[in-house]
């Protein structure tokens, strides 16, 4: 049994920043709903420029490589910090 193709329905997901409490967040806005800050309830919000997600084999590969590099750098920093802590406490 074949199903008819599903229509691509865009969801209105917007990014905002609340100047009252400096919180940045995303909201799904439907109809005439007024966006409110989840932290302080403020309604005087700045709508930010959203970046669109594009997926392809090339971008997925670059994202995995970037993530792997970030993980390695984080692990190396943590190792250096632990090493420095051991040497710093050794002098006490």
Protein backbone atom coordinates (compact mmCIF):
# COMPACT_ATOMS: atom_id res chain seq x y z
CA UNK A 1 0.00 0.00 0.00
CA UNK A 2 1.45 3.38 -0.92
CA UNK A 3 0.75 6.55 0.99
CA UNK A 4 0.36 9.97 -0.59
CA UNK A 5 3.35 12.26 -0.07
CA UNK A 6 3.29 14.25 3.13
CA UNK A 7 3.16 17.99 2.58
CA UNK A 8 6.11 19.93 3.94
CA UNK A 9 4.62 21.99 6.74
CA UNK A 10 6.95 24.65 8.08
CA UNK A 11 6.79 25.23 11.79
CA UNK A 12 7.24 28.87 12.82
CA UNK A 13 10.19 28.47 15.20
CA UNK A 14 11.71 31.82 16.12
CA UNK A 15 14.70 32.87 18.20
CA UNK A 16 14.29 35.69 20.70
CA UNK A 17 16.29 37.62 23.29
CA UNK A 18 14.67 39.20 26.29
CA UNK A 19 16.35 42.54 27.08
CA UNK A 20 14.86 42.54 30.60
CA UNK A 21 16.73 39.42 31.77
CA UNK A 22 19.12 38.84 28.81
CA UNK A 23 17.78 35.33 28.16
CA UNK A 24 18.05 33.92 24.63
CA UNK A 25 15.56 31.22 23.62
CA UNK A 26 13.54 29.65 20.79
CA UNK A 27 9.76 29.57 20.64
CA UNK A 28 7.24 27.86 18.40
CA UNK A 29 4.68 30.57 17.63
CA UNK A 30 1.29 29.67 16.21
CA UNK A 31 -1.49 31.97 15.10
CA UNK A 32 -1.63 35.28 16.89
CA UNK A 33 0.14 34.05 20.02
CA UNK A 34 2.28 36.67 21.74
CA UNK A 35 5.76 35.35 22.58
CA UNK A 36 6.80 35.62 26.22
CA UNK A 37 10.14 35.08 27.90
CA UNK A 38 10.27 31.72 29.68
CA UNK A 39 12.51 33.19 32.40
CA UNK A 40 10.80 36.42 33.42
CA UNK A 41 7.52 36.46 31.44
CA UNK A 42 8.50 39.63 29.57
CA UNK A 43 6.82 40.38 26.26
CA UNK A 44 9.15 43.12 24.93
CA UNK A 45 11.41 40.73 23.04
CA UNK A 46 13.99 41.12 20.31
CA UNK A 47 13.53 38.69 17.45
CA UNK A 48 16.92 37.35 16.38
CA UNK A 49 18.14 36.28 12.98
CA UNK A 50 17.76 32.50 12.81
CA UNK A 51 20.13 30.29 10.88
CA UNK A 52 18.57 27.61 8.73
CA UNK A 53 19.62 24.01 9.17
CA UNK A 54 20.89 22.48 5.96
CA UNK A 55 21.67 18.80 5.87
CA UNK A 56 23.74 17.04 3.28
CA UNK A 57 26.41 14.38 3.40
CA UNK A 58 29.07 17.08 3.22
CA UNK A 59 27.65 19.15 6.09
CA UNK A 60 27.09 16.04 8.21
CA UNK A 61 30.71 14.98 7.70
CA UNK A 62 32.00 18.47 8.55
CA UNK A 63 29.77 18.60 11.64
CA UNK A 64 31.08 15.22 12.84
CA UNK A 65 34.68 16.29 12.21
CA UNK A 66 34.16 19.61 14.00
CA UNK A 67 32.45 17.89 16.93
CA UNK A 68 35.27 15.32 17.16
CA UNK A 69 37.90 18.07 17.12
CA UNK A 70 36.03 20.00 19.83
CA UNK A 71 35.79 16.84 21.96
CA UNK A 72 39.54 16.19 21.58
CA UNK A 73 40.39 19.79 22.49
CA UNK A 74 38.10 19.67 25.53
CA UNK A 75 39.71 16.40 26.70
CA UNK A 76 43.21 17.84 26.21
CA UNK A 77 42.33 20.98 28.21
CA UNK A 78 40.86 18.86 31.00
CA UNK A 79 44.00 16.69 31.06
CA UNK A 80 46.25 19.80 31.23
CA UNK A 81 44.10 21.24 34.02
CA UNK A 82 44.30 18.01 36.02
CA UNK A 83 48.05 17.87 35.47
CA UNK A 84 48.49 21.48 36.63
CA UNK A 85 46.32 20.85 39.69
CA UNK A 86 48.46 17.86 40.69
CA UNK A 87 51.67 19.87 40.30
CA UNK A 88 50.24 22.94 42.07
CA UNK A 89 49.07 20.90 45.08
CA UNK A 90 52.32 18.99 45.24
CA UNK A 91 54.14 22.12 46.44
CA UNK A 92 51.85 22.56 49.50
